[in-house]
């Protein structure tokens, strides 16, 4: 009789162990989900857009440098933007070279010619690139979209050009061509 009790006890112990393993397996994903990192707000974004004038001197270097896109680093860490790109709908692309954006800092990327500083970068172009209806797209060094800003400014007021933001993390390679500029 002790043999059958022992076999029954072993079967019962095996069933309890299997049930415990099953409960542990089912509970594990729920527990892991509780500790999963929460989505963060984008650390680097297109924070503002300023269109240049449409007047008679819209091709002067001064007018071209009034046209800019601001890129802001909202994180607590410096971000290396080397190899990142900023492009418009037509594929005009500016590539960041050897540039580190400090934490909580903003840099303006001007269209015209100038001397790069910590706060201002220049595309060294001779013509305006941002249209009254356009989209600025910021991509990281792997070509992944980090942020976009779209605007439709029919009022021709260059001071009111903030766009709607679409924070997108999809891999998109439509505007990878470099069309001029030294950067």
Protein backbone atom coordinates (compact mmCIF):
# COMPACT_ATOMS: atom_id res chain seq x y z
CA UNK A 1 0.00 0.00 0.00
CA UNK A 2 2.80 2.34 0.64
CA UNK A 3 3.92 1.94 -2.94
CA UNK A 4 0.60 3.18 -4.35
CA UNK A 5 0.49 6.06 -1.84
CA UNK A 6 4.01 6.99 -2.82
CA UNK A 7 3.11 6.90 -6.54
CA UNK A 8 -0.02 8.97 -5.86
CA UNK A 9 1.99 11.45 -3.80
CA UNK A 10 4.53 11.76 -6.63
CA UNK A 11 1.77 12.34 -9.19
CA UNK A 12 0.15 14.93 -6.93
CA UNK A 13 3.48 16.68 -6.36
CA UNK A 14 4.16 16.68 -10.10
CA UNK A 15 0.71 18.15 -10.80
CA UNK A 16 1.24 20.90 -8.19
CA UNK A 17 4.67 21.69 -9.63
CA UNK A 18 3.25 21.83 -13.16
CA UNK A 19 0.39 24.08 -12.04
CA UNK A 20 2.86 26.34 -10.23
CA UNK A 21 5.03 26.59 -13.33
CA UNK A 22 1.97 27.37 -15.46
CA UNK A 23 0.79 30.10 -13.06
CA UNK A 24 4.33 31.53 -12.95
CA UNK A 25 4.50 31.59 -16.74
CA UNK A 26 1.12 33.28 -17.07
CA UNK A 27 1.92 35.80 -14.31
CA UNK A 28 5.36 36.67 -15.68
CA UNK A 29 4.23 38.74 -18.68
CA UNK A 30 1.79 40.73 -16.53
CA UNK A 31 4.54 41.39 -14.01
CA UNK A 32 6.99 42.32 -16.76
CA UNK A 33 4.41 44.64 -18.31
CA UNK A 34 4.13 46.51 -15.01
CA UNK A 35 7.85 47.27 -15.16
CA UNK A 36 8.13 48.00 -18.89
CA UNK A 37 9.54 51.43 -19.71
CA UNK A 38 6.90 54.03 -20.41
CA UNK A 39 7.00 55.86 -23.72
CA UNK A 40 9.00 59.05 -23.36
CA UNK A 41 8.38 62.33 -25.07
CA UNK A 42 10.72 62.88 -27.95
CA UNK A 43 14.09 64.12 -26.78
CA UNK A 44 14.99 65.96 -30.01
CA UNK A 45 12.21 67.82 -31.84
CA UNK A 46 11.55 70.48 -34.46
CA UNK A 47 10.48 73.21 -32.07
CA UNK A 48 9.86 76.17 -34.41
CA UNK A 49 9.97 77.23 -38.04
CA UNK A 50 10.48 80.77 -39.31
CA UNK A 51 9.94 81.48 -43.00
CA UNK A 52 11.92 84.16 -44.80
CA UNK A 53 10.49 87.18 -46.53
CA UNK A 54 8.88 87.06 -49.95
CA UNK A 55 9.90 90.59 -50.77
CA UNK A 56 12.19 91.93 -53.44
CA UNK A 57 15.36 90.87 -51.65
CA UNK A 58 14.25 87.33 -50.79
CA UNK A 59 17.51 86.00 -52.27
CA UNK A 60 19.83 88.19 -50.20
CA UNK A 61 21.89 86.34 -47.61
CA UNK A 62 20.20 88.37 -44.88
CA UNK A 63 16.76 87.27 -46.08
CA UNK A 64 17.90 83.64 -46.44
CA UNK A 65 19.16 83.64 -42.86
CA UNK A 66 15.80 84.87 -41.61
CA UNK A 67 14.49 81.51 -42.82
CA UNK A 68 15.29 78.86 -40.22
CA UNK A 69 14.15 75.69 -38.47
CA UNK A 70 14.79 75.32 -34.72
CA UNK A 71 15.81 71.93 -33.33
CA UNK A 72 15.49 71.47 -29.56
CA UNK A 73 16.98 68.80 -27.29
CA UNK A 74 14.50 68.23 -24.43
CA UNK A 75 16.59 65.55 -22.75
CA UNK A 76 18.97 65.68 -19.81
CA UNK A 77 21.82 64.42 -21.99
CA UNK A 78 23.75 65.98 -24.86
CA UNK A 79 22.81 64.47 -28.23
CA UNK A 80 25.28 63.88 -31.05
CA UNK A 81 23.49 65.01 -34.23
CA UNK A 82 26.35 64.03 -36.57
CA UNK A 83 24.84 62.31 -39.60
CA UNK A 84 21.29 63.48 -38.81
CA UNK A 85 19.38 65.22 -41.62
CA UNK A 86 16.79 67.97 -41.97
CA UNK A 87 14.82 67.98 -45.23
CA UNK A 88 11.81 69.56 -46.94
CA UNK A 89 9.11 67.96 -49.12
CA UNK A 90 11.15 68.55 -52.29
CA UNK A 91 14.12 66.61 -50.89
CA UNK A 92 16.45 69.53 -50.11
CA UNK A 93 18.55 67.99 -47.35
CA UNK A 94 20.89 69.44 -44.76
CA UNK A 95 23.21 66.98 -43.02
CA UNK A 96 24.53 67.77 -39.55
CA UNK A 97 28.32 67.33 -39.37
CA UNK A 98 30.27 67.10 -36.12
CA UNK A 99 27.57 68.78 -34.06
CA UNK A 100 26.51 68.01 -30.50
CA UNK A 101 23.27 69.58 -29.24
CA UNK A 102 23.56 70.26 -25.53
CA UNK A 103 20.86 69.17 -23.10
CA UNK A 104 17.86 71.52 -22.99
CA UNK A 105 19.36 73.55 -25.85
CA UNK A 106 18.07 74.76 -29.22
CA UNK A 107 19.93 75.31 -32.48
CA UNK A 108 18.54 77.20 -35.47
CA UNK A 109 19.38 75.84 -38.92
CA UNK A 110 19.44 78.86 -41.29
CA UNK A 111 19.09 78.56 -45.05
CA UNK A 112 21.77 81.10 -46.04
CA UNK A 113 25.52 81.40 -45.68
CA UNK A 114 27.13 82.00 -42.31
CA UNK A 115 29.56 80.80 -39.69
CA UNK A 116 28.33 77.85 -37.62
CA UNK A 117 28.08 78.38 -33.85
CA UNK A 118 26.62 76.47 -30.93
CA UNK A 119 23.24 78.22 -31.45
CA UNK A 120 23.14 78.73 -35.24
CA UNK A 121 24.02 76.46 -38.16
CA UNK A 122 23.98 77.49 -41.83
CA UNK A 123 23.07 75.43 -44.91
CA UNK A 124 25.05 77.78 -47.20
CA UNK A 125 22.31 77.91 -49.82
CA UNK A 126 21.65 80.71 -52.30
CA UNK A 127 17.86 80.19 -52.55
CA UNK A 128 15.00 79.76 -50.10
CA UNK A 129 13.94 76.16 -49.58
CA UNK A 130 10.99 76.32 -47.14
CA UNK A 131 7.69 76.97 -48.89
CA UNK A 132 4.54 78.47 -47.39
CA UNK A 133 3.10 74.93 -47.45
CA UNK A 134 5.83 72.52 -46.51
CA UNK A 135 7.01 69.82 -44.15
CA UNK A 136 10.32 69.72 -42.29
CA UNK A 137 11.54 66.22 -41.50
CA UNK A 138 14.29 65.44 -38.99
CA UNK A 139 15.97 62.02 -39.30
CA UNK A 140 18.63 60.40 -37.16
CA UNK A 141 21.91 58.97 -38.47
CA UNK A 142 20.14 55.70 -39.38
CA UNK A 143 17.57 57.51 -41.53
CA UNK A 144 14.71 56.98 -39.06
CA UNK A 145 12.20 59.82 -38.75
CA UNK A 146 12.63 61.55 -35.39
CA UNK A 147 10.15 64.41 -35.90
CA UNK A 148 8.20 66.25 -38.58
CA UNK A 149 6.59 69.67 -38.68
CA UNK A 150 4.00 70.58 -41.32
CA UNK A 151 2.57 74.02 -41.95
CA UNK A 152 0.15 75.67 -44.32
CA UNK A 153 0.68 79.41 -44.12
CA UNK A 154 -1.44 81.17 -46.74
CA UNK A 155 -1.42 84.44 -44.83
CA UNK A 156 2.21 85.18 -45.79
CA UNK A 157 3.10 86.15 -42.24
CA UNK A 158 6.66 84.89 -41.70
CA UNK A 159 6.31 85.30 -37.93
CA UNK A 160 3.45 82.79 -37.70
CA UNK A 161 4.84 79.57 -39.15
CA UNK A 162 4.67 77.07 -36.33
CA UNK A 163 3.67 73.76 -37.78
CA UNK A 164 1.81 70.79 -36.50
CA UNK A 165 4.15 68.15 -35.13
CA UNK A 166 4.01 64.50 -35.95
CA UNK A 167 6.41 62.54 -33.76
CA UNK A 168 7.08 59.46 -35.81
CA UNK A 169 9.51 56.63 -35.26
CA UNK A 170 8.93 54.73 -38.50
CA UNK A 171 11.80 54.03 -40.83
CA UNK A 172 11.27 56.20 -43.89
CA UNK A 173 13.86 56.62 -46.63
CA UNK A 174 11.99 58.90 -49.09
CA UNK A 175 14.15 62.02 -48.67
CA UNK A 176 17.65 60.56 -48.28
CA UNK A 177 19.20 62.40 -51.25
CA UNK A 178 21.51 65.31 -50.51
CA UNK A 179 20.72 68.24 -52.83
CA UNK A 180 23.41 70.79 -52.15
CA UNK A 181 24.87 72.69 -49.25
CA UNK A 182 28.22 72.00 -47.64
CA UNK A 183 26.71 70.06 -44.75
